Protein backbone atom coordinates (compact mmCIF):
# COMPACT_ATOMS: atom_id res chain seq x y z
CA MET A 1 210.85 130.32 196.56
CA ASP A 2 207.29 130.87 197.24
CA PRO A 3 205.59 129.32 193.89
CA ASP A 4 202.64 132.07 194.10
CA LEU A 5 205.72 134.81 193.66
CA ILE A 6 207.66 132.93 190.72
CA ALA A 7 203.66 133.00 188.70
CA GLU A 8 203.52 137.05 189.56
CA HIS A 9 206.94 137.38 188.16
CA GLU A 10 206.51 135.30 185.23
CA ASP A 11 202.77 137.07 184.50
CA LEU A 12 203.66 140.31 184.85
CA LEU A 13 207.18 139.74 182.23
CA GLN A 14 204.31 139.21 179.98
CA ARG A 15 202.45 141.35 180.05
CA ARG A 16 205.32 144.13 180.24
CA ASP A 17 206.10 142.44 176.87
CA GLU A 18 202.74 143.27 174.89
CA ALA A 19 203.06 146.38 176.47
CA LYS A 20 206.47 146.86 175.18
CA ALA A 21 204.58 145.82 171.63
CA ALA A 22 201.32 147.55 171.93
CA ALA A 23 203.51 150.69 172.70
CA LYS A 24 205.38 150.48 169.40
CA ASP A 25 202.14 151.10 167.69
CA SER A 26 200.54 153.39 169.68
CA LEU A 27 202.14 156.94 170.39
CA ALA A 28 201.01 156.30 173.91
CA GLY A 29 203.46 155.22 176.88
CA GLY A 30 201.39 151.98 177.87
CA ASN A 31 201.82 151.02 181.85
CA VAL A 32 205.74 149.51 180.10
CA VAL A 33 207.06 151.86 183.26
CA GLU A 34 203.89 150.46 186.37
CA LEU A 35 204.51 147.13 185.18
CA GLU A 36 208.26 147.78 185.35
CA GLN A 37 208.58 148.46 188.86
CA GLN A 38 205.71 146.16 189.67
CA ILE A 39 208.10 143.48 188.12
CA ALA A 40 211.33 144.96 190.27
CA ASP A 41 208.80 144.63 194.33
CA VAL A 42 207.80 140.72 193.01
CA LEU A 43 211.19 140.53 192.58
CA GLU A 44 212.15 142.08 196.21
CA HIS A 45 209.54 139.58 197.25
CA ILE A 46 211.58 136.66 195.72
CA GLU A 47 214.55 137.00 197.18
CA ALA A 48 213.09 138.09 200.65
CA ALA A 49 210.80 134.60 200.08
CA THR A 50 214.05 132.45 198.91
CA VAL A 51 215.83 130.49 201.03
CA VAL A 52 219.48 129.40 200.62
CA LEU A 53 220.71 126.21 202.37
CA THR A 54 224.37 125.27 202.47
CA LEU A 55 224.99 121.12 202.28
CA GLN A 56 228.05 119.56 203.22
CA ALA A 57 229.11 116.23 202.74
CA LEU A 58 228.62 112.96 204.48
CA PRO A 59 231.93 110.89 205.76
CA ARG A 60 231.80 108.35 202.70
CA PRO A 61 230.89 105.32 206.54
CA ARG A 62 227.82 107.70 207.09
CA PHE A 63 226.83 107.53 203.55
CA LYS A 64 227.22 104.57 202.75
CA ALA A 65 225.06 103.08 205.55
CA LEU A 66 222.47 105.31 204.20
CA LYS A 67 222.05 104.24 200.98
CA ASP A 68 222.15 100.49 202.76
CA LEU A 69 219.43 101.91 204.86
CA HIS A 70 217.43 102.40 201.64
CA PRO A 71 218.46 99.29 199.11
CA PRO A 72 216.64 99.69 195.40
CA ARG A 73 213.30 97.93 195.43
CA LYS A 74 212.70 94.73 194.37
CA ASP A 75 210.21 93.09 192.68
CA ALA A 76 207.51 90.29 193.45
CA GLU A 77 210.96 87.98 192.80
CA GLY A 78 213.15 89.25 194.97
CA ASN A 79 214.56 90.43 191.73
CA PRO A 80 216.11 94.37 190.73
CA SER A 81 212.03 96.35 189.81
CA PRO A 82 212.26 97.46 186.62
CA GLU A 83 210.03 99.32 187.11
CA HIS A 84 212.58 101.44 189.63
CA ALA A 85 215.19 102.07 186.88
CA GLY A 86 216.42 105.62 188.73
CA ASP A 87 216.72 102.70 191.95
CA LEU A 88 218.58 100.50 190.08
CA ARG A 89 221.00 103.25 188.47
CA LEU A 90 222.26 104.80 191.64
CA GLY A 91 221.70 101.81 193.85
CA VAL A 92 219.24 103.73 196.36
CA ASN A 93 215.52 103.01 196.84
CA GLU A 94 214.53 107.18 194.69
CA ASP A 95 211.55 107.60 197.18
CA THR A 96 213.39 106.82 200.48
CA PHE A 97 217.24 107.70 199.84
CA PHE A 98 217.23 111.41 198.63
CA ASP A 99 214.60 112.91 201.76
CA VAL A 100 217.68 111.41 204.36
CA LEU A 101 220.16 112.35 202.36
CA LEU A 102 218.99 115.70 202.89
CA ARG A 103 218.07 116.33 205.93
CA ALA A 104 221.62 114.74 207.07
CA GLU A 105 222.92 117.25 204.33
CA ILE A 106 221.63 120.59 205.64
CA ILE A 107 223.84 122.18 208.15
CA ALA A 108 222.39 125.80 207.00
CA PRO A 109 219.68 127.21 208.34
CA VAL A 110 219.79 125.19 210.51
CA LEU A 111 216.18 123.84 210.76
CA ASP A 112 213.52 122.92 213.17
CA GLU A 113 212.23 119.10 211.81
CA GLU A 114 209.04 120.95 211.64
CA THR A 115 209.98 123.88 209.38
CA LEU A 116 212.59 121.86 207.14
CA THR A 117 209.62 118.78 206.65
CA VAL A 118 207.80 121.95 205.46
CA LEU A 119 210.60 123.33 203.02
CA LEU A 120 211.06 119.62 201.55
CA ASP A 121 207.66 118.53 201.51
CA GLU A 122 205.23 121.50 201.20
CA ARG A 123 207.83 124.50 199.62
CA LEU A 124 209.83 122.99 196.39
CA THR A 125 209.00 122.34 193.06
CA ASP A 126 208.83 119.43 191.55
CA GLY A 127 212.30 121.40 189.39
CA ALA A 128 213.86 122.51 192.62
CA TRP A 129 213.37 119.17 193.85
CA GLU A 130 215.30 117.73 191.21
CA ALA A 131 218.52 120.42 191.59
CA LEU A 132 218.49 120.26 195.14
CA THR A 133 218.16 116.42 195.53
CA THR A 134 221.18 116.24 192.45
CA VAL A 135 223.43 118.93 194.10
CA ALA A 136 223.20 116.42 197.79
CA TRP A 137 224.40 113.38 195.55
CA ASN A 138 226.89 114.87 193.71
CA LEU A 139 228.34 116.37 196.68
CA ASN A 140 229.82 112.50 198.00
CA LEU A 141 230.28 111.30 194.15
CA GLU A 142 233.07 114.23 192.65
CA LYS A 143 236.01 114.05 193.21
CA VAL A 144 237.81 116.54 195.55
CA ALA A 145 241.45 118.44 194.56
CA VAL A 146 243.44 117.80 197.25
CA PRO A 147 246.07 120.48 197.53
CA PHE A 148 249.58 119.06 196.13
CA SER A 149 252.92 120.50 197.61
CA GLN A 150 255.75 119.06 196.68
CA ALA A 151 257.74 120.27 199.90
CA VAL A 152 255.87 117.81 202.01
CA SER A 153 256.07 115.23 199.40
CA PRO A 154 258.68 112.66 200.35
CA THR A 155 258.35 110.38 197.96
CA ARG A 156 258.79 113.38 195.05
CA ARG A 157 261.76 114.42 197.67
CA SER A 158 263.75 111.65 197.44
CA SER A 159 263.08 111.24 194.05
CA SER A 160 264.04 114.47 192.46
CA ARG A 161 266.89 113.27 194.01
CA LYS A 162 268.35 110.39 191.61
């Protein structure tokens, strides 16, 4: 999303709320209706500027290989670096791993390298980056519910006959 549009939206919301409060204290309606229209217009622009990304988990060997390429940082003595506690917690170098992970997991829309770089390096806020990297990480670590069918399970059929 465009941070300027978000800032404009927040400003308009505040101005509308102030106009509503002022309108209660006077007979004039103020400019609440005009501000509501401006808010609606900005919301349309925000929606048009929003990129919906589809991510796909990596196969286990590929995810492990990617983690192995970005090990946690170490101090001068070769010990885990206390300044990078997140590295230790996740088992990867947080500064290098997530950019590569996102590039590997984003499957739609199909973006050329330049556009993807602009999106990841220039357009995302810190909060959006945090949310996106959390989703990318969790895609590979969350348990997947595998459908179970008693009809095709030889273990269940043989055990139910006894």
